[in-house]
Amino acid sequence: MKVEDLLSTLNPHQEAYVNLNLTNFKNGEYMLAAFHFISNPRLNILQAAAEIAAESSTGTNFLVNTETAFSREMNALVYKADIEKNIVWIAYPWRLFDRRGNVQNILTYIVGNVLGMKEIVALKLLDVWFPQTMIEQYDGPSYTIDDMRKYLNVYDRPILGTIIKPKIGLTSAEYAEVCYDFWVGGGDFVKNDEPQANQDFCPYDKMVYHVKEAMDKAVKETARKKVHSFNVSASDYDEMISRCEIIRNAGFEKGSYAFLIDGITAGWMAVQTLRRKYPDVFLHFHRAGHGAFTRPENPIGFSVLVLSKFARLAGASGIHTGTAGVGKMAGTPEEDITAANNILRFVGKGHIFEQAWSTIPQNDDDAIRLVHEDLAHHVILSDDSWRGMKKCCPIISGGLNPVLLKPFIDIMGSTDFITTMGAGCHAHPKGTKAGAMALVQSCEAYTKNIDINEYAKTHEELRESIEFFTKKPKDVENAHSVEKC
């Protein structure tokens, strides 16, 4: 059966949300969405898709007498369906959405009530496409990885970072000491773990001031700039801003700190508030909680790609995109690397759509030039930001260690990311400083195109890291037991 054969099964209410003859869906009026979709057996795929389009735009479950000719122009429209693959395409007039670049408003429509409807058995938003007319209305990133690279004077390699472990339980002084050890070992970037806040054993203001002292000492000893990402997620707006101001007033050099926000749990309003209030700060989106929506085995929610695209639209400088199955977290190259490349590139191929982040016509000579410069890894949009939305940086964490750095780079196909290794550094048999040195040495081996095992013959920290992280889990457990004794 062809999808067109199902048109006769639609009731008048459903007919208003279907247009399989829509040919101008890329005319700048519509945001496009593609869903993997399985309907309740009581409805066929087109009937159920029409109900989804209604609920996620202007309608409800019945035709209402309060409709107007204009309101009908705001209807989302099912314009394509693949019955065999259970994929439906819906075009949303983007004028539906709050005019001031409000990402949570979009998500309230397209992955809001619809995820709880009886008409669905599965509904996963696989991909979205933003027209250039819409992109111009949204903030996009301001301070990017290119700005961080310039501050750190780090090029042609990943920015090497860590997450302080244990993730919580260290005092302010103990926390700063671990930061110092990582930095003097050669690392660039340290971040709070996502639950770090204002615990009684680690007061926020004292933690900030101790980190500032540790950073100053490490910079003096290494003659290299450093960056720390502070979690400013809080219970309310005033407390979040108060934490930002504690950091701003602590004497940090501009560029040496980032603001981390737990974007899923704190919410998109917090992300957009930080982007607008502090455009000169790297905005670090941690995605804790995303798995409830993004894991492939969950049939209801949205993909990592969708989350990452909306993070870029909202103005995040960077977002965690997963280790593509190389680390401890669930993920695949198809999912994680597709997301990473889509937020990095001026034009990116997604699961369904090819997204251009241009705000000028794609066939414009300058837009075409930007695509070529981007593919050649040149910095773009530095003095012509009206031409497109700036990049969002993939942040790679979750079970990586120095042994796995090159395998991930090979899968990623790029070094344009921040890697934040936690246990990968702190579990080193000789401690954090040696762990940081091993990470730096692993990166050196990569940049010099030398096999990591060959490089380890003359670099003790890397050799010990390889020996430790290639042990069987039971051997690692036993090694820790011996160390504790």
Protein backbone atom coordinates (compact mmCIF):
# COMPACT_ATOMS: atom_id res chain seq x y z
CA MET A 1 0.00 0.00 0.00
CA LYS A 2 1.21 3.49 -0.83
CA VAL A 3 0.84 6.31 1.65
CA GLU A 4 -1.37 8.16 -0.85
CA ASP A 5 -3.88 5.31 -0.56
CA LEU A 6 -4.42 6.26 3.08
CA LEU A 7 -5.64 9.77 2.32
CA SER A 8 -9.24 8.57 2.04
CA THR A 9 -9.10 7.28 5.63
CA LEU A 10 -8.54 10.75 7.12
CA ASN A 11 -11.35 12.62 8.84
CA PRO A 12 -11.79 16.39 8.24
CA HIS A 13 -9.74 17.25 11.33
CA GLN A 14 -6.83 15.07 10.20
CA GLU A 15 -7.00 16.31 6.60
CA ALA A 16 -6.10 19.80 7.79
CA TYR A 17 -2.69 18.54 8.93
CA VAL A 18 -1.65 16.54 5.88
CA ASN A 19 -0.37 17.81 2.53
CA LEU A 20 1.48 15.17 0.54
CA ASN A 21 1.65 17.60 -2.37
CA LEU A 22 3.65 20.18 -0.43
CA THR A 23 6.64 20.91 -2.67
CA ASN A 24 7.89 24.23 -1.29
CA PHE A 25 8.77 22.97 2.18
CA LYS A 26 12.27 24.49 1.90
CA ASN A 27 11.03 27.96 1.02
CA GLY A 28 12.12 29.41 4.37
CA GLU A 29 8.65 29.22 5.94
CA TYR A 30 9.05 25.79 7.53
CA MET A 31 11.21 24.01 10.05
CA LEU A 32 11.30 20.33 9.09
CA ALA A 33 11.28 17.33 11.41
CA ALA A 34 11.63 13.62 10.71
CA PHE A 35 10.25 11.12 13.23
CA HIS A 36 10.58 7.38 13.53
CA PHE A 37 7.00 6.55 14.23
CA ILE A 38 4.83 3.53 15.08
CA SER A 39 1.16 4.22 15.55
CA ASN A 40 -1.39 2.68 17.85
CA PRO A 41 -3.01 -0.26 15.96
CA ARG A 42 -6.35 1.57 15.98
CA LEU A 43 -4.95 4.13 13.53
CA ASN A 44 -2.95 3.82 10.36
CA ILE A 45 0.35 5.69 10.09
CA LEU A 46 -1.10 8.68 8.22
CA GLN A 47 -4.04 9.12 10.59
CA ALA A 48 -1.75 8.99 13.61
CA ALA A 49 0.84 11.27 11.98
CA ALA A 50 -1.89 13.84 11.36
CA GLU A 51 -2.83 13.71 15.04
CA ILE A 52 0.84 14.23 15.95
CA ALA A 53 1.08 17.23 13.61
CA ALA A 54 -2.06 18.70 15.15
CA GLU A 55 -0.99 18.22 18.77
CA SER A 56 2.49 19.60 18.05
CA SER A 57 1.20 22.76 16.39
CA THR A 58 -2.24 24.40 16.48
CA GLY A 59 -4.67 21.60 17.18
CA THR A 60 -6.07 19.08 19.59
CA ASN A 61 -7.94 15.81 19.12
CA PHE A 62 -11.07 17.38 17.55
CA LEU A 63 -11.80 20.11 15.05
CA VAL A 64 -12.70 23.24 17.06
CA ASN A 65 -15.06 26.05 16.12
CA THR A 66 -12.57 28.72 17.21
CA GLU A 67 -10.26 28.06 14.26
CA THR A 68 -9.61 30.99 11.96
CA ALA A 69 -8.32 31.17 8.41
CA PHE A 70 -5.06 32.56 9.76
CA SER A 71 -4.67 29.95 12.52
CA ARG A 72 -4.99 27.22 9.90
CA GLU A 73 -1.93 28.71 8.15
CA MET A 74 0.03 27.80 11.29
CA ASN A 75 -0.89 24.10 11.04
CA ALA A 76 2.03 21.66 10.93
CA LEU A 77 1.79 19.51 7.83
CA VAL A 78 2.69 15.87 7.28
CA TYR A 79 4.30 16.09 3.85
CA LYS A 80 5.93 12.69 3.48
CA ALA A 81 5.76 9.21 5.03
CA ASP A 82 7.69 6.00 4.52
CA ILE A 83 5.44 3.14 5.57
CA GLU A 84 8.18 0.49 5.36
CA LYS A 85 10.68 2.43 7.51
CA ASN A 86 8.03 3.99 9.75
CA ILE A 87 9.38 7.49 9.19
CA VAL A 88 7.18 10.57 8.83
CA TRP A 89 8.22 14.08 7.81
CA ILE A 90 6.41 17.09 9.26
CA ALA A 91 6.79 20.74 8.21
CA TYR A 92 6.27 23.33 10.97
CA PRO A 93 5.66 26.97 10.06
CA TRP A 94 8.42 28.44 12.23
CA ARG A 95 6.31 31.52 12.87
CA LEU A 96 4.61 29.27 15.44
CA PHE A 97 7.57 29.76 17.73
CA ASP A 98 8.40 32.50 20.21
CA ARG A 99 10.10 35.30 18.29
CA ARG A 100 13.11 35.79 20.60
CA GLY A 101 15.02 32.65 19.73
CA ASN A 102 13.30 30.53 22.37
CA VAL A 103 14.51 26.93 22.00
CA GLN A 104 12.40 25.50 24.81
CA ASN A 105 9.33 26.86 23.03
CA ILE A 106 10.16 24.81 19.92
CA LEU A 107 10.76 21.66 21.94
CA THR A 108 7.49 22.17 23.84
CA TYR A 109 5.75 21.89 20.49
CA ILE A 110 7.59 19.11 18.72
CA VAL A 111 8.65 16.81 21.59
CA GLY A 112 6.25 17.99 24.27
CA ASN A 113 2.76 16.56 24.73
CA VAL A 114 3.16 14.43 21.61
CA LEU A 115 5.48 12.01 23.44
CA GLY A 116 2.61 11.07 25.76
CA MET A 117 -0.16 10.63 23.21
CA LYS A 118 -2.19 7.41 23.04
CA GLU A 119 -1.90 7.43 19.26
CA ILE A 120 1.78 6.45 19.40
CA VAL A 121 3.68 3.30 20.32
CA ALA A 122 7.00 4.84 19.27
CA LEU A 123 7.91 8.43 18.43
CA LYS A 124 11.57 9.38 18.12
CA LEU A 125 12.62 12.69 16.59
CA LEU A 126 15.56 11.65 14.41
CA ASP A 127 16.54 14.92 12.79
CA VAL A 128 15.47 18.53 12.31
CA TRP A 129 16.20 21.09 9.62
CA PHE A 130 16.32 24.82 10.22
CA PRO A 131 15.85 27.23 7.30
CA GLN A 132 18.27 30.15 7.05
CA THR A 133 15.44 32.58 7.78
CA MET A 134 14.91 30.86 11.13
CA ILE A 135 18.60 30.45 12.03
CA GLU A 136 19.03 34.22 11.91
CA GLN A 137 16.48 34.62 14.73
CA TYR A 138 18.48 32.47 17.19
CA ASP A 139 21.59 33.29 19.20
CA GLY A 140 24.02 30.58 18.21
CA PRO A 141 27.43 30.32 19.88
CA SER A 142 29.39 33.47 20.62
CA TYR A 143 32.60 32.29 22.31
CA THR A 144 33.82 29.18 20.46
CA ILE A 145 36.54 26.56 20.58
CA ASP A 146 38.46 28.78 18.16
CA ASP A 147 38.54 31.49 20.83
CA MET A 148 39.67 28.96 23.43
CA ARG A 149 42.40 27.69 21.11
CA LYS A 150 43.64 31.24 20.64
CA TYR A 151 43.71 31.82 24.40
CA LEU A 152 45.52 28.54 25.11
CA ASN A 153 47.71 28.77 21.99
CA VAL A 154 46.73 25.18 21.23
CA TYR A 155 46.24 24.19 17.59
CA ASP A 156 46.22 21.02 15.49
CA ARG A 157 45.36 18.76 18.41
CA PRO A 158 42.45 18.22 20.81
CA ILE A 159 42.22 20.40 23.90
CA LEU A 160 43.27 18.03 26.66
CA GLY A 161 41.06 18.11 29.71
CA THR A 162 39.96 16.24 32.78
CA ILE A 163 36.99 15.89 35.10
CA ILE A 164 37.96 15.99 38.76
CA LYS A 165 37.40 12.63 40.46
CA PRO A 166 35.97 11.54 42.77
CA LYS A 167 33.14 13.50 41.23
CA ILE A 168 32.08 14.77 44.64
CA GLY A 169 33.42 14.55 48.19
CA LEU A 170 36.67 16.54 47.96
CA THR A 171 37.07 19.69 50.02
CA SER A 172 37.78 22.96 48.27
CA ALA A 173 41.51 22.66 48.91
CA GLU A 174 41.61 19.01 47.85
CA TYR A 175 39.74 19.84 44.67
CA ALA A 176 42.16 22.65 43.80
CA GLU A 177 45.12 20.37 44.48
CA VAL A 178 43.90 17.87 41.87
CA CYS A 179 43.42 20.73 39.38
CA TYR A 180 46.98 21.86 40.03
CA ASP A 181 48.39 18.36 39.56
CA PHE A 182 46.64 17.98 36.21
CA TRP A 183 47.72 21.39 34.97
CA VAL A 184 51.39 21.00 35.92
CA GLY A 185 51.29 17.60 34.22
CA GLY A 186 50.57 19.45 30.98
CA GLY A 187 46.77 19.43 30.76
CA ASP A 188 44.82 22.39 29.36
CA PHE A 189 41.28 22.19 30.70
CA VAL A 190 39.62 21.12 33.96
CA LYS A 191 35.90 20.89 34.62
CA ASN A 192 33.65 20.46 37.62
CA ASP A 193 31.76 17.21 37.41
CA GLU A 194 28.09 17.81 36.74
CA PRO A 195 26.85 17.38 40.36
CA GLN A 196 29.39 19.87 41.77
CA ALA A 197 27.54 22.71 43.47
CA ASN A 198 27.72 24.40 46.89
CA GLN A 199 28.08 21.39 49.19
CA ASP A 200 28.93 22.01 52.85
CA PHE A 201 32.29 20.23 52.60
CA CYS A 202 33.22 22.23 49.47
CA PRO A 203 31.76 25.75 49.61
CA TYR A 204 31.39 27.18 46.13
CA ASP A 205 33.14 30.49 46.73
CA LYS A 206 36.08 28.87 48.49
CA MET A 207 36.40 26.28 45.70
CA VAL A 208 36.52 29.09 43.12
CA TYR A 209 39.19 31.04 44.97
CA HIS A 210 41.34 27.97 45.57
CA VAL A 211 41.10 27.01 41.90
CA LYS A 212 42.22 30.54 40.98
CA GLU A 213 45.29 30.16 43.23
CA ALA A 214 46.06 26.70 41.83
CA MET A 215 45.68 27.97 38.25
CA ASP A 216 47.98 30.94 38.88
CA LYS A 217 50.65 28.68 40.32
CA ALA A 218 50.35 26.17 37.48
CA VAL A 219 50.51 28.90 34.81
CA LYS A 220 53.62 30.35 36.43
CA GLU A 221 55.35 26.97 36.59
CA THR A 222 54.41 25.76 33.10
CA ALA A 223 54.30 29.09 31.24
CA ARG A 224 51.07 27.82 29.63
CA LYS A 225 47.53 29.22 29.92
CA LYS A 226 44.88 27.04 31.57
CA VAL A 227 41.07 26.90 31.59
CA HIS A 228 38.60 25.79 34.26
CA SER A 229 34.90 25.11 33.60
CA PHE A 230 32.73 25.88 36.64
CA ASN A 231 29.27 24.39 37.08
CA VAL A 232 26.95 27.36 37.63
CA SER A 233 23.72 25.30 37.60
CA ALA A 234 21.62 26.39 40.58
CA SER A 235 18.18 26.38 42.17
CA ASP A 236 17.08 29.69 40.68
CA TYR A 237 18.13 32.52 38.40
CA ASP A 238 19.59 34.70 41.15
CA GLU A 239 21.77 31.92 42.54
CA MET A 240 23.01 30.95 39.09
CA ILE A 241 24.01 34.53 38.33
CA SER A 242 25.55 34.87 41.80
CA ARG A 243 27.82 31.91 41.04
CA CYS A 244 28.80 33.44 37.71
CA GLU A 245 29.66 36.70 39.44
CA ILE A 246 31.75 34.95 42.11
CA ILE A 247 33.85 33.57 39.26
CA ARG A 248 33.96 36.89 37.38
CA ASN A 249 35.07 38.73 40.51
CA ALA A 250 37.71 36.20 41.59
CA GLY A 251 40.39 37.77 39.41
CA PHE A 252 40.50 35.19 36.61
CA GLU A 253 42.00 36.28 33.34
CA LYS A 254 39.44 36.59 30.56
CA GLY A 255 39.36 33.30 28.68
CA SER A 256 40.59 31.21 31.62
CA TYR A 257 37.13 30.13 32.79
CA ALA A 258 33.99 28.63 31.31
CA PHE A 259 30.44 28.35 32.64
CA LEU A 260 29.09 24.79 32.73
CA ILE A 261 25.33 24.36 32.78
CA ASP A 262 23.46 21.08 33.20
CA GLY A 263 21.32 21.88 30.19
CA ILE A 264 18.76 19.08 30.43
CA THR A 265 18.10 19.33 34.16
CA ALA A 266 18.60 23.09 34.58
CA GLY A 267 16.68 23.76 31.38
CA TRP A 268 17.04 25.65 28.13
CA MET A 269 16.13 28.94 29.79
CA ALA A 270 19.29 28.65 31.90
CA VAL A 271 21.35 27.93 28.77
CA GLN A 272 19.95 30.90 26.88
CA THR A 273 20.22 33.21 29.88
CA LEU A 274 23.93 32.49 30.21
CA ARG A 275 24.49 32.89 26.46
CA ARG A 276 22.86 36.32 26.45
CA LYS A 277 24.25 37.62 29.72
CA TYR A 278 27.83 36.36 29.22
CA PRO A 279 28.59 36.24 25.47
CA ASP A 280 32.33 36.50 26.18
CA VAL A 281 32.46 33.23 28.16
CA PHE A 282 32.68 29.66 26.81
CA LEU A 283 29.27 28.12 27.54
CA HIS A 284 29.71 24.44 28.39
CA PHE A 285 26.49 22.37 28.01
CA HIS A 286 26.57 19.17 30.06
CA ARG A 287 23.81 16.82 28.94
CA ALA A 288 23.19 14.78 32.13
CA GLY A 289 19.82 13.07 31.75
CA HIS A 290 19.89 12.97 27.95
CA GLY A 291 19.86 9.16 27.83
CA ALA A 292 16.19 9.12 28.83
CA PHE A 293 15.47 10.68 25.42
CA THR A 294 18.38 9.68 23.19
CA ARG A 295 19.27 6.04 23.83
CA PRO A 296 18.45 4.00 20.70
CA GLU A 297 16.57 1.35 22.68
CA ASN A 298 14.17 4.01 23.94
CA PRO A 299 11.49 4.32 21.21
CA ILE A 300 10.23 7.68 22.52
CA GLY A 301 12.28 10.88 22.62
CA PHE A 302 14.87 12.43 20.31
CA SER A 303 18.33 11.65 19.00
CA VAL A 304 21.75 12.88 20.13
CA LEU A 305 21.86 14.75 16.82
CA VAL A 306 18.66 16.66 17.60
CA LEU A 307 19.85 17.57 21.10
CA SER A 308 23.19 18.77 19.75
CA LYS A 309 21.61 20.84 16.98
CA PHE A 310 19.35 22.62 19.43
CA ALA A 311 22.33 23.26 21.72
CA ARG A 312 24.06 25.04 18.83
CA LEU A 313 20.90 26.96 18.02
CA ALA A 314 20.59 28.06 21.67
CA GLY A 315 24.18 29.30 21.74
CA ALA A 316 26.14 26.63 23.60
CA SER A 317 29.87 26.91 22.90
CA GLY A 318 30.23 23.17 23.41
CA ILE A 319 28.15 20.13 24.32
CA HIS A 320 29.04 16.56 25.23
CA THR A 321 28.36 14.38 22.18
CA GLY A 322 29.54 10.92 23.29
CA THR A 323 32.53 8.69 22.66
CA ALA A 324 31.02 6.71 19.76
CA GLY A 325 31.28 3.46 21.73
CA VAL A 326 35.01 3.88 22.40
CA GLY A 327 34.48 4.85 26.05
CA LYS A 328 32.16 3.58 28.79
CA MET A 329 28.95 5.26 27.62
CA ALA A 330 26.49 3.81 25.14
CA GLY A 331 26.87 5.26 21.68
CA THR A 332 27.82 4.55 18.08
CA PRO A 333 29.79 6.42 15.41
CA GLU A 334 26.58 6.81 13.42
CA GLU A 335 24.94 8.61 16.34
CA ASP A 336 27.77 10.41 18.12
CA ILE A 337 30.06 11.37 15.25
CA THR A 338 27.13 12.51 13.12
CA ALA A 339 26.11 14.82 15.98
CA ALA A 340 29.67 16.07 16.50
CA ASN A 341 30.18 16.90 12.83
CA ASN A 342 26.81 18.61 12.53
CA ILE A 343 27.56 21.09 15.29
CA LEU A 344 31.14 21.68 14.12
CA ARG A 345 30.62 22.22 10.43
CA PHE A 346 29.12 25.00 8.34
CA VAL A 347 27.26 22.28 6.43
CA GLY A 348 26.62 18.89 8.02
CA LYS A 349 24.90 15.73 6.81
CA GLY A 350 22.50 14.39 9.43
CA HIS A 351 20.45 11.22 9.68
CA ILE A 352 17.81 12.65 7.34
CA PHE A 353 18.64 16.25 6.43
CA GLU A 354 21.71 18.14 5.27
CA GLN A 355 21.90 21.22 7.46
CA ALA A 356 23.56 24.43 6.33
CA TRP A 357 24.11 26.90 9.17
CA SER A 358 24.19 29.77 6.71
CA THR A 359 22.10 32.90 7.12
CA ILE A 360 22.74 34.00 3.54
CA PRO A 361 21.60 32.05 0.46
CA GLN A 362 23.50 28.76 0.12
CA ASN A 363 24.28 29.50 -3.53
CA ASP A 364 25.88 32.83 -2.64
CA ASP A 365 29.57 32.92 -3.59
CA ASP A 366 30.57 33.81 -0.02
CA ALA A 367 28.51 30.95 1.41
CA ILE A 368 30.19 28.50 -0.97
CA ARG A 369 33.60 29.90 -0.03
CA LEU A 370 32.83 29.43 3.67
CA VAL A 371 31.98 25.78 3.06
CA HIS A 372 35.34 25.18 1.37
CA GLU A 373 37.28 27.09 4.03
CA ASP A 374 35.53 25.14 6.77
CA LEU A 375 36.36 21.80 5.14
CA ALA A 376 39.99 22.98 4.93
CA HIS A 377 39.86 23.62 8.72
CA HIS A 378 40.23 27.37 8.41
CA VAL A 379 38.67 29.58 11.07
CA ILE A 380 35.49 31.06 9.60
CA LEU A 381 32.89 33.68 10.62
CA SER A 382 35.45 35.63 12.66
CA ASP A 383 34.80 38.95 10.93
CA ASP A 384 31.61 38.19 8.97
CA SER A 385 29.36 36.57 11.54
CA TRP A 386 26.23 37.77 9.75
CA ARG A 387 26.86 35.07 7.15
CA GLY A 388 26.16 32.11 9.40
CA MET A 389 25.93 30.58 12.83
CA LYS A 390 29.24 29.86 14.55
CA LYS A 391 30.34 26.35 15.46
CA CYS A 392 29.57 24.43 18.64
CA CYS A 393 32.38 22.26 20.01
CA PRO A 394 32.00 18.53 20.71
CA ILE A 395 33.13 17.71 24.25
CA ILE A 396 34.20 14.09 24.56
CA SER A 397 34.01 12.30 27.90
CA GLY A 398 33.01 9.02 29.45
CA GLY A 399 35.57 6.28 29.96
CA LEU A 400 38.37 7.50 27.70
CA ASN A 401 42.03 7.19 28.68
CA PRO A 402 45.36 7.92 26.95
CA VAL A 403 45.28 4.53 25.20
CA LEU A 404 41.93 5.38 23.58
CA LEU A 405 42.76 8.90 22.40
CA LYS A 406 43.97 7.92 18.92
CA PRO A 407 41.19 5.35 18.33
CA PHE A 408 38.63 8.04 19.04
CA ILE A 409 40.38 10.63 16.83
CA ASP A 410 40.44 8.07 14.01
CA ILE A 411 36.68 7.57 14.31
CA MET A 412 36.01 11.28 14.73
CA GLY A 413 38.18 12.18 11.73
CA SER A 414 39.13 15.46 13.40
CA THR A 415 40.96 16.87 16.43
CA ASP A 416 38.55 19.78 16.80
CA PHE A 417 37.17 18.79 20.19
CA ILE A 418 37.78 18.98 23.94
CA THR A 419 38.43 15.65 25.62
CA THR A 420 37.79 15.41 29.35
CA MET A 421 39.24 12.23 30.84
CA GLY A 422 38.41 11.55 34.47
CA ALA A 423 39.63 8.19 35.71
CA GLY A 424 41.69 8.06 32.51
CA CYS A 425 44.05 10.48 34.26
CA HIS A 426 43.37 10.14 37.98
CA ALA A 427 43.57 6.32 38.03
CA HIS A 428 47.16 6.36 36.75
CA PRO A 429 49.29 4.27 39.11
CA LYS A 430 51.42 7.32 39.94
CA GLY A 431 48.58 9.79 40.31
CA THR A 432 47.02 12.71 38.50
CA LYS A 433 50.17 14.52 37.40
CA ALA A 434 51.54 11.36 35.81
CA GLY A 435 48.11 10.71 34.28
CA ALA A 436 48.13 14.16 32.68
CA MET A 437 51.66 13.58 31.40
CA ALA A 438 50.56 10.27 29.88
CA LEU A 439 47.66 12.01 28.13
CA VAL A 440 50.00 14.68 26.73
CA GLN A 441 52.45 11.99 25.59
CA SER A 442 49.66 10.02 23.93
CA CYS A 443 48.67 13.17 22.04
CA GLU A 444 52.30 13.81 21.08
CA ALA A 445 52.54 10.30 19.68
CA TYR A 446 49.45 10.99 17.58
CA THR A 447 50.66 14.36 16.26
CA LYS A 448 54.09 12.89 15.43
CA ASN A 449 52.49 9.86 13.78
CA ILE A 450 54.36 7.47 16.06
CA ASP A 451 52.79 4.26 17.35
CA ILE A 452 51.76 4.75 20.97
CA ASN A 453 53.61 1.63 22.11
CA GLU A 454 56.78 2.77 20.37
CA TYR A 455 56.50 6.23 21.92
CA ALA A 456 55.96 4.68 25.34
CA LYS A 457 59.44 3.09 25.24
CA THR A 458 60.93 6.51 26.01
CA HIS A 459 58.02 7.98 27.99
CA GLU A 460 57.52 6.28 31.33
CA GLU A 461 54.14 7.81 32.23
CA LEU A 462 52.62 6.69 28.95
CA ARG A 463 54.11 3.20 29.32
CA GLU A 464 52.59 2.85 32.80
CA SER A 465 49.25 4.14 31.52
CA ILE A 466 49.20 1.59 28.71
CA GLU A 467 50.08 -1.22 31.11
CA PHE A 468 47.38 -0.15 33.56
CA PHE A 469 44.51 0.52 31.16
CA THR A 470 45.06 -2.57 29.05
CA LYS A 471 44.84 -4.87 32.07
CA LYS A 472 41.77 -7.02 32.44
CA PRO A 473 39.18 -5.48 34.80
CA LYS A 474 39.98 -8.07 37.49
CA ASP A 475 43.67 -7.20 37.29
CA VAL A 476 42.87 -3.50 37.71
CA GLU A 477 40.69 -4.31 40.73
CA ASN A 478 43.49 -6.36 42.28
CA ALA A 479 46.03 -3.61 41.56
CA HIS A 480 43.87 -1.08 43.41
CA SER A 481 43.53 -3.48 46.34
CA VAL A 482 47.32 -3.81 46.58
CA GLU A 483 47.73 -0.02 46.42
CA LYS A 484 45.22 0.47 49.26
CA CYS A 485 47.08 -2.03 51.41
